[in-house]
Amino acid sequence: MSALSKIFRPKTAVPLATNLVAIGAATLYIRSHLIFNHEEAEARMDEIEGTLRGHIGLIENSLERLELETGSKKQDAKGGLKS
């Protein structure tokens, strides 16, 4: 008998088909979880980016206020402020 006739016998074809269906189903299941996790991670990164941009804006505003307050004072030769 040829190899193909051995594969397509009901004794071997049913377990083979079952394995292929199980592998395909597991692949689709895992893929859906990966897509979901990827979207969740992107949403978290966007939220973190917004938070960081907000904090950077607050820091820049504070720095500008400090520069305006100390801008009228004279600086010494090293760039430090004199009281």
PDB file of N, CA and C in Angstrom:
ATOM      1  N   MET A   1       0.834  -1.185   0.000  1.00  0.00           N
ATOM      2  CA  MET A   1       0.000   0.000   0.000  1.00  0.00           C
ATOM      3  C   MET A   1       0.877   1.247   0.000  1.00  0.00           C
ATOM      4  N   SER A   2       0.335   2.241  -0.605  1.00  0.00           N
ATOM      5  CA  SER A   2       1.102   3.480  -0.646  1.00  0.00           C
ATOM      6  C   SER A   2       0.912   4.255   0.654  1.00  0.00           C
ATOM      7  N   ALA A   3       1.731   5.236   0.838  1.00  0.00           N
ATOM      8  CA  ALA A   3       1.693   6.025   2.073  1.00  0.00           C
ATOM      9  C   ALA A   3       0.391   6.811   2.188  1.00  0.00           C
ATOM     10  N   LEU A   4      -0.133   7.296   1.049  1.00  0.00           N
ATOM     11  CA  LEU A   4      -1.376   8.063   1.091  1.00  0.00           C
ATOM     12  C   LEU A   4      -2.558   7.209   1.513  1.00  0.00           C
ATOM     13  N   SER A   5      -2.592   5.983   1.068  1.00  0.00           N
ATOM     14  CA  SER A   5      -3.715   5.130   1.456  1.00  0.00           C
ATOM     15  C   SER A   5      -3.652   4.796   2.945  1.00  0.00           C
ATOM     16  N   LYS A   6      -2.453   4.758   3.522  1.00  0.00           N
ATOM     17  CA  LYS A   6      -2.328   4.522   4.962  1.00  0.00           C
ATOM     18  C   LYS A   6      -2.800   5.743   5.759  1.00  0.00           C
ATOM     19  N   ILE A   7      -2.540   6.926   5.239  1.00  0.00           N
ATOM     20  CA  ILE A   7      -2.921   8.150   5.938  1.00  0.00           C
ATOM     21  C   ILE A   7      -4.437   8.334   5.923  1.00  0.00           C
ATOM     22  N   PHE A   8      -5.066   8.014   4.796  1.00  0.00           N
ATOM     23  CA  PHE A   8      -6.498   8.273   4.652  1.00  0.00           C
ATOM     24  C   PHE A   8      -7.388   7.140   5.140  1.00  0.00           C
ATOM     25  N   ARG A   9      -6.833   6.166   5.795  1.00  0.00           N
ATOM     26  CA  ARG A   9      -7.664   5.141   6.430  1.00  0.00           C
ATOM     27  C   ARG A   9      -8.379   5.771   7.616  1.00  0.00           C
ATOM     28  N   PRO A  10      -9.608   5.335   7.931  1.00  0.00           N
ATOM     29  CA  PRO A  10     -10.331   5.927   9.064  1.00  0.00           C
ATOM     30  C   PRO A  10      -9.580   5.793  10.380  1.00  0.00           C
ATOM     31  N   LYS A  11      -8.779   4.767  10.494  1.00  0.00           N
ATOM     32  CA  LYS A  11      -8.039   4.545  11.739  1.00  0.00           C
ATOM     33  C   LYS A  11      -7.011   5.658  11.985  1.00  0.00           C
ATOM     34  N   THR A  12      -6.451   6.209  10.936  1.00  0.00           N
ATOM     35  CA  THR A  12      -5.455   7.277  11.085  1.00  0.00           C
ATOM     36  C   THR A  12      -5.994   8.645  10.681  1.00  0.00           C
ATOM     37  N   ALA A  13      -7.005   8.684   9.834  1.00  0.00           N
ATOM     38  CA  ALA A  13      -7.519   9.965   9.341  1.00  0.00           C
ATOM     39  C   ALA A  13      -8.261  10.729  10.432  1.00  0.00           C
ATOM     40  N   VAL A  14      -9.006  10.033  11.269  1.00  0.00           N
ATOM     41  CA  VAL A  14      -9.778  10.712  12.314  1.00  0.00           C
ATOM     42  C   VAL A  14      -8.861  11.388  13.334  1.00  0.00           C
ATOM     43  N   PRO A  15      -7.874  10.702  13.891  1.00  0.00           N
ATOM     44  CA  PRO A  15      -6.971  11.409  14.821  1.00  0.00           C
ATOM     45  C   PRO A  15      -6.186  12.535  14.142  1.00  0.00           C
ATOM     46  N   LEU A  16      -5.803  12.318  12.884  1.00  0.00           N
ATOM     47  CA  LEU A  16      -5.075  13.352  12.150  1.00  0.00           C
ATOM     48  C   LEU A  16      -5.949  14.592  11.970  1.00  0.00           C
ATOM     49  N   ALA A  17      -7.188  14.400  11.562  1.00  0.00           N
ATOM     50  CA  ALA A  17      -8.102  15.528  11.374  1.00  0.00           C
ATOM     51  C   ALA A  17      -8.388  16.216  12.709  1.00  0.00           C
ATOM     52  N   THR A  18      -8.544  15.432  13.763  1.00  0.00           N
ATOM     53  CA  THR A  18      -8.789  16.006  15.090  1.00  0.00           C
ATOM     54  C   THR A  18      -7.612  16.869  15.530  1.00  0.00           C
ATOM     55  N   ASN A  19      -6.414  16.389  15.315  1.00  0.00           N
ATOM     56  CA  ASN A  19      -5.217  17.164  15.673  1.00  0.00           C
ATOM     57  C   ASN A  19      -5.132  18.462  14.877  1.00  0.00           C
ATOM     58  N   LEU A  20      -5.418  18.385  13.586  1.00  0.00           N
ATOM     59  CA  LEU A  20      -5.351  19.590  12.754  1.00  0.00           C
ATOM     60  C   LEU A  20      -6.401  20.615  13.177  1.00  0.00           C
ATOM     61  N   VAL A  21      -7.609  20.151  13.484  1.00  0.00           N
ATOM     62  CA  VAL A  21      -8.660  21.065  13.938  1.00  0.00           C
ATOM     63  C   VAL A  21      -8.282  21.681  15.284  1.00  0.00           C
ATOM     64  N   ALA A  22      -7.727  20.885  16.183  1.00  0.00           N
ATOM     65  CA  ALA A  22      -7.330  21.400  17.498  1.00  0.00           C
ATOM     66  C   ALA A  22      -6.221  22.436  17.366  1.00  0.00           C
ATOM     67  N   ILE A  23      -5.259  22.178  16.512  1.00  0.00           N
ATOM     68  CA  ILE A  23      -4.166  23.136  16.306  1.00  0.00           C
ATOM     69  C   ILE A  23      -4.702  24.434  15.706  1.00  0.00           C
ATOM     70  N   GLY A  24      -5.595  24.329  14.725  1.00  0.00           N
ATOM     71  CA  GLY A  24      -6.187  25.525  14.118  1.00  0.00           C
ATOM     72  C   GLY A  24      -6.997  26.333  15.116  1.00  0.00           C
ATOM     73  N   ALA A  25      -7.798  25.647  15.934  1.00  0.00           N
ATOM     74  CA  ALA A  25      -8.613  26.347  16.929  1.00  0.00           C
ATOM     75  C   ALA A  25      -7.737  27.022  17.979  1.00  0.00           C
ATOM     76  N   ALA A  26      -6.701  26.337  18.431  1.00  0.00           N
ATOM     77  CA  ALA A  26      -5.798  26.924  19.423  1.00  0.00           C
ATOM     78  C   ALA A  26      -5.079  28.141  18.844  1.00  0.00           C
ATOM     79  N   THR A  27      -4.708  28.055  17.574  1.00  0.00           N
ATOM     80  CA  THR A  27      -4.037  29.180  16.925  1.00  0.00           C
ATOM     81  C   THR A  27      -4.950  30.403  16.880  1.00  0.00           C
ATOM     82  N   LEU A  28      -6.198  30.204  16.491  1.00  0.00           N
ATOM     83  CA  LEU A  28      -7.138  31.329  16.443  1.00  0.00           C
ATOM     84  C   LEU A  28      -7.415  31.896  17.831  1.00  0.00           C
ATOM     85  N   TYR A  29      -7.523  31.034  18.820  1.00  0.00           N
ATOM     86  CA  TYR A  29      -7.780  31.468  20.193  1.00  0.00           C
ATOM     87  C   TYR A  29      -6.617  32.309  20.724  1.00  0.00           C
ATOM     88  N   ILE A  30      -5.413  31.825  20.525  1.00  0.00           N
ATOM     89  CA  ILE A  30      -4.229  32.551  20.998  1.00  0.00           C
ATOM     90  C   ILE A  30      -4.070  33.862  20.234  1.00  0.00           C
ATOM     91  N   ARG A  31      -4.365  33.846  18.926  1.00  0.00           N
ATOM     92  CA  ARG A  31      -4.261  35.063  18.123  1.00  0.00           C
ATOM     93  C   ARG A  31      -5.217  36.131  18.641  1.00  0.00           C
ATOM     94  N   SER A  32      -6.441  35.732  18.981  1.00  0.00           N
ATOM     95  CA  SER A  32      -7.405  36.712  19.484  1.00  0.00           C
ATOM     96  C   SER A  32      -6.933  37.307  20.810  1.00  0.00           C
ATOM     97  N   HIS A  33      -6.330  36.501  21.650  1.00  0.00           N
ATOM     98  CA  HIS A  33      -5.798  37.020  22.913  1.00  0.00           C
ATOM     99  C   HIS A  33      -4.617  37.954  22.672  1.00  0.00           C
ATOM    100  N   LEU A  34      -3.765  37.623  21.726  1.00  0.00           N
ATOM    101  CA  LEU A  34      -2.635  38.499  21.418  1.00  0.00           C
ATOM    102  C   LEU A  34      -3.111  39.848  20.889  1.00  0.00           C
ATOM    103  N   ILE A  35      -4.110  39.835  20.025  1.00  0.00           N
ATOM    104  CA  ILE A  35      -4.639  41.087  19.491  1.00  0.00           C
ATOM    105  C   ILE A  35      -5.243  41.923  20.614  1.00  0.00           C
ATOM    106  N   PHE A  36      -6.016  41.284  21.493  1.00  0.00           N
ATOM    107  CA  PHE A  36      -6.629  41.996  22.617  1.00  0.00           C
ATOM    108  C   PHE A  36      -5.558  42.600  23.520  1.00  0.00           C
ATOM    109  N   ASN A  37      -4.540  41.812  23.869  1.00  0.00           N
ATOM    110  CA  ASN A  37      -3.472  42.306  24.746  1.00  0.00           C
ATOM    111  C   ASN A  37      -2.697  43.437  24.089  1.00  0.00           C
ATOM    112  N   HIS A  38      -2.496  43.356  22.777  1.00  0.00           N
ATOM    113  CA  HIS A  38      -1.786  44.414  22.060  1.00  0.00           C
ATOM    114  C   HIS A  38      -2.574  45.718  22.123  1.00  0.00           C
ATOM    115  N   GLU A  39      -3.887  45.641  21.909  1.00  0.00           N
ATOM    116  CA  GLU A  39      -4.718  46.842  21.983  1.00  0.00           C
ATOM    117  C   GLU A  39      -4.729  47.424  23.394  1.00  0.00           C
ATOM    118  N   GLU A  40      -4.787  46.567  24.400  1.00  0.00           N
ATOM    119  CA  GLU A  40      -4.753  47.038  25.787  1.00  0.00           C
ATOM    120  C   GLU A  40      -3.420  47.722  26.097  1.00  0.00           C
ATOM    121  N   ALA A  41      -2.327  47.148  25.618  1.00  0.00           N
ATOM    122  CA  ALA A  41      -1.005  47.740  25.859  1.00  0.00           C
ATOM    123  C   ALA A  41      -0.893  49.099  25.173  1.00  0.00           C
ATOM    124  N   GLU A  42      -1.419  49.210  23.952  1.00  0.00           N
ATOM    125  CA  GLU A  42      -1.395  50.498  23.261  1.00  0.00           C
ATOM    126  C   GLU A  42      -2.198  51.548  24.026  1.00  0.00           C
ATOM    127  N   ALA A  43      -3.348  51.146  24.552  1.00  0.00           N
ATOM    128  CA  ALA A  43      -4.168  52.087  25.320  1.00  0.00           C
ATOM    129  C   ALA A  43      -3.429  52.539  26.577  1.00  0.00           C
ATOM    130  N   ARG A  44      -2.749  51.611  27.243  1.00  0.00           N
ATOM    131  CA  ARG A  44      -1.984  51.980  28.443  1.00  0.00           C
ATOM    132  C   ARG A  44      -0.843  52.923  28.088  1.00  0.00           C
ATOM    133  N   MET A  45      -0.157  52.655  26.982  1.00  0.00           N
ATOM    134  CA  MET A  45       0.955  53.516  26.573  1.00  0.00           C
ATOM    135  C   MET A  45       0.452  54.916  26.217  1.00  0.00           C
ATOM    136  N   ASP A  46      -0.701  55.007  25.565  1.00  0.00           N
ATOM    137  CA  ASP A  46      -1.271  56.322  25.253  1.00  0.00           C
ATOM    138  C   ASP A  46      -1.611  57.085  26.530  1.00  0.00           C
ATOM    139  N   GLU A  47      -2.153  56.376  27.513  1.00  0.00           N
ATOM    140  CA  GLU A  47      -2.484  57.023  28.786  1.00  0.00           C
ATOM    141  C   GLU A  47      -1.220  57.499  29.499  1.00  0.00           C
ATOM    142  N   ILE A  48      -0.188  56.679  29.491  1.00  0.00           N
ATOM    143  CA  ILE A  48       1.081  57.060  30.126  1.00  0.00           C
ATOM    144  C   ILE A  48       1.700  58.246  29.395  1.00  0.00           C
ATOM    145  N   GLU A  49       1.619  58.230  28.060  1.00  0.00           N
ATOM    146  CA  GLU A  49       2.175  59.337  27.287  1.00  0.00           C
ATOM    147  C   GLU A  49       1.471  60.645  27.631  1.00  0.00           C
ATOM    148  N   GLY A  50       0.144  60.601  27.737  1.00  0.00           N
ATOM    149  CA  GLY A  50      -0.602  61.804  28.102  1.00  0.00           C
ATOM    150  C   GLY A  50      -0.233  62.301  29.485  1.00  0.00           C
ATOM    151  N   THR A  51      -0.077  61.367  30.414  1.00  0.00           N
ATOM    152  CA  THR A  51       0.306  61.745  31.775  1.00  0.00           C
ATOM    153  C   THR A  51       1.688  62.389  31.784  1.00  0.00           C
ATOM    154  N   LEU A  52       2.628  61.792  31.065  1.00  0.00           N
ATOM    155  CA  LEU A  52       3.982  62.351  31.015  1.00  0.00           C
ATOM    156  C   LEU A  52       3.988  63.733  30.370  1.00  0.00           C
ATOM    157  N   ARG A  53       3.228  63.885  29.290  1.00  0.00           N
ATOM    158  CA  ARG A  53       3.171  65.202  28.643  1.00  0.00           C
ATOM    159  C   ARG A  53       2.594  66.251  29.597  1.00  0.00           C
ATOM    160  N   GLY A  54       1.595  65.853  30.368  1.00  0.00           N
ATOM    161  CA  GLY A  54       1.023  66.777  31.347  1.00  0.00           C
ATOM    162  C   GLY A  54       2.021  67.169  32.411  1.00  0.00           C
ATOM    163  N   HIS A  55       2.763  66.197  32.913  1.00  0.00           N
ATOM    164  CA  HIS A  55       3.760  66.501  33.938  1.00  0.00           C
ATOM    165  C   HIS A  55       4.890  67.355  33.368  1.00  0.00           C
ATOM    166  N   ILE A  56       5.299  67.058  32.144  1.00  0.00           N
ATOM    167  CA  ILE A  56       6.353  67.863  31.520  1.00  0.00           C
ATOM    168  C   ILE A  56       5.877  69.303  31.359  1.00  0.00           C
ATOM    169  N   GLY A  57       4.605  69.479  30.976  1.00  0.00           N
ATOM    170  CA  GLY A  57       4.048  70.828  30.857  1.00  0.00           C
ATOM    171  C   GLY A  57       4.056  71.563  32.183  1.00  0.00           C
ATOM    172  N   LEU A  58       3.693  70.867  33.257  1.00  0.00           N
ATOM    173  CA  LEU A  58       3.721  71.496  34.583  1.00  0.00           C
ATOM    174  C   LEU A  58       5.139  71.883  34.980  1.00  0.00           C
ATOM    175  N   ILE A  59       6.095  71.016  34.694  1.00  0.00           N
ATOM    176  CA  ILE A  59       7.495  71.303  35.033  1.00  0.00           C
ATOM    177  C   ILE A  59       7.998  72.499  34.233  1.00  0.00           C
ATOM    178  N   GLU A  60       7.658  72.556  32.941  1.00  0.00           N
ATOM    179  CA  GLU A  60       8.090  73.685  32.118  1.00  0.00           C
ATOM    180  C   GLU A  60       7.484  74.996  32.614  1.00  0.00           C
ATOM    181  N   ASN A  61       6.217  74.960  32.999  1.00  0.00           N
ATOM    182  CA  ASN A  61       5.584  76.177  33.532  1.00  0.00           C
ATOM    183  C   ASN A  61       6.257  76.627  34.823  1.00  0.00           C
ATOM    184  N   SER A  62       6.560  75.690  35.695  1.00  0.00           N
ATOM    185  CA  SER A  62       7.244  76.037  36.948  1.00  0.00           C
ATOM    186  C   SER A  62       8.625  76.603  36.667  1.00  0.00           C
ATOM    187  N   LEU A  63       9.325  76.017  35.717  1.00  0.00           N
ATOM    188  CA  LEU A  63      10.656  76.501  35.363  1.00  0.00           C
ATOM    189  C   LEU A  63      10.582  77.919  34.816  1.00  0.00           C
ATOM    190  N   GLU A  64       9.593  78.196  33.983  1.00  0.00           N
ATOM    191  CA  GLU A  64       9.444  79.549  33.448  1.00  0.00           C
ATOM    192  C   GLU A  64       9.159  80.555  34.566  1.00  0.00           C
ATOM    193  N   ARG A  65       8.307  80.174  35.518  1.00  0.00           N
ATOM    194  CA  ARG A  65       8.027  81.066  36.649  1.00  0.00           C
ATOM    195  C   ARG A  65       9.285  81.311  37.472  1.00  0.00           C
ATOM    196  N   LEU A  66      10.072  80.259  37.704  1.00  0.00           N
ATOM    197  CA  LEU A  66      11.317  80.430  38.463  1.00  0.00           C
ATOM    198  C   LEU A  66      12.298  81.317  37.714  1.00  0.00           C
ATOM    199  N   GLU A  67      12.382  81.146  36.403  1.00  0.00           N
ATOM    200  CA  GLU A  67      13.293  81.976  35.620  1.00  0.00           C
ATOM    201  C   GLU A  67      12.854  83.438  35.646  1.00  0.00           C
ATOM    202  N   LEU A  68      11.557  83.670  35.628  1.00  0.00           N
ATOM    203  CA  LEU A  68      11.075  85.054  35.704  1.00  0.00           C
ATOM    204  C   LEU A  68      11.367  85.665  37.066  1.00  0.00           C
ATOM    205  N   GLU A  69      11.215  84.876  38.131  1.00  0.00           N
ATOM    206  CA  GLU A  69      11.493  85.375  39.482  1.00  0.00           C
ATOM    207  C   GLU A  69      12.967  85.692  39.664  1.00  0.00           C
ATOM    208  N   THR A  70      13.833  84.843  39.163  1.00  0.00           N
ATOM    209  CA  THR A  70      15.271  85.018  39.383  1.00  0.00           C
ATOM    210  C   THR A  70      15.932  85.786  38.252  1.00  0.00           C
ATOM    211  N   GLY A  71      15.200  86.103  37.213  1.00  0.00           N
ATOM    212  CA  GLY A  71      15.787  86.805  36.072  1.00  0.00           C
ATOM    213  C   GLY A  71      16.239  88.206  36.414  1.00  0.00           C
ATOM    214  N   SER A  72      15.614  88.845  37.398  1.00  0.00           N
ATOM    215  CA  SER A  72      15.983  90.214  37.760  1.00  0.00           C
ATOM    216  C   SER A  72      17.228  90.253  38.631  1.00  0.00           C
ATOM    217  N   LYS A  73      17.595  89.113  39.232  1.00  0.00           N
ATOM    218  CA  LYS A  73      18.794  89.073  40.076  1.00  0.00           C
ATOM    219  C   LYS A  73      20.033  88.949  39.195  1.00  0.00           C
ATOM    220  N   LYS A  74      21.127  89.422  39.693  1.00  0.00           N
ATOM    221  CA  LYS A  74      22.367  89.369  38.930  1.00  0.00           C
ATOM    222  C   LYS A  74      23.026  88.009  39.088  1.00  0.00           C
ATOM    223  N   GLN A  75      23.745  87.610  38.045  1.00  0.00           N
ATOM    224  CA  GLN A  75      24.470  86.344  38.097  1.00  0.00           C
ATOM    225  C   GLN A  75      25.948  86.629  38.305  1.00  0.00           C
ATOM    226  N   ASP A  76      26.611  85.720  39.042  1.00  0.00           N
ATOM    227  CA  ASP A  76      28.046  85.895  39.223  1.00  0.00           C
ATOM    228  C   ASP A  76      28.776  85.322  38.008  1.00  0.00           C
ATOM    229  N   ALA A  77      30.105  85.288  38.050  1.00  0.00           N
ATOM    230  CA  ALA A  77      30.918  84.871  36.915  1.00  0.00           C
ATOM    231  C   ALA A  77      30.698  83.405  36.546  1.00  0.00           C
ATOM    232  N   LYS A  78      30.356  82.565  37.516  1.00  0.00           N
ATOM    233  CA  LYS A  78      30.159  81.142  37.235  1.00  0.00           C
ATOM    234  C   LYS A  78      28.740  80.838  36.761  1.00  0.00           C
ATOM    235  N   GLY A  79      27.888  81.803  36.686  1.00  0.00           N
ATOM    236  CA  GLY A  79      26.518  81.576  36.256  1.00  0.00           C
ATOM    237  C   GLY A  79      25.554  81.379  37.400  1.00  0.00           C
ATOM    238  N   GLY A  80      26.043  81.386  38.622  1.00  0.00           N
ATOM    239  CA  GLY A  80      25.173  81.236  39.783  1.00  0.00           C
ATOM    240  C   GLY A  80      24.512  82.553  40.133  1.00  0.00           C
ATOM    241  N   LEU A  81      23.544  82.511  40.982  1.00  0.00           N
ATOM    242  CA  LEU A  81      22.825  83.726  41.362  1.00  0.00           C
ATOM    243  C   LEU A  81      23.427  84.348  42.608  1.00  0.00           C
ATOM    244  N   LYS A  82      23.471  85.675  42.613  1.00  0.00           N
ATOM    245  CA  LYS A  82      23.889  86.414  43.806  1.00  0.00           C
ATOM    246  C   LYS A  82      22.646  86.844  44.542  1.00  0.00           C
ATOM    247  N   SER A  83      22.675  86.764  45.828  1.00  0.00           N
ATOM    248  CA  SER A  83      21.510  87.189  46.625  1.00  0.00           C
ATOM    249  C   SER A  83      21.542  88.672  46.858  1.00  0.00           C
TER     250      SER A  83
END
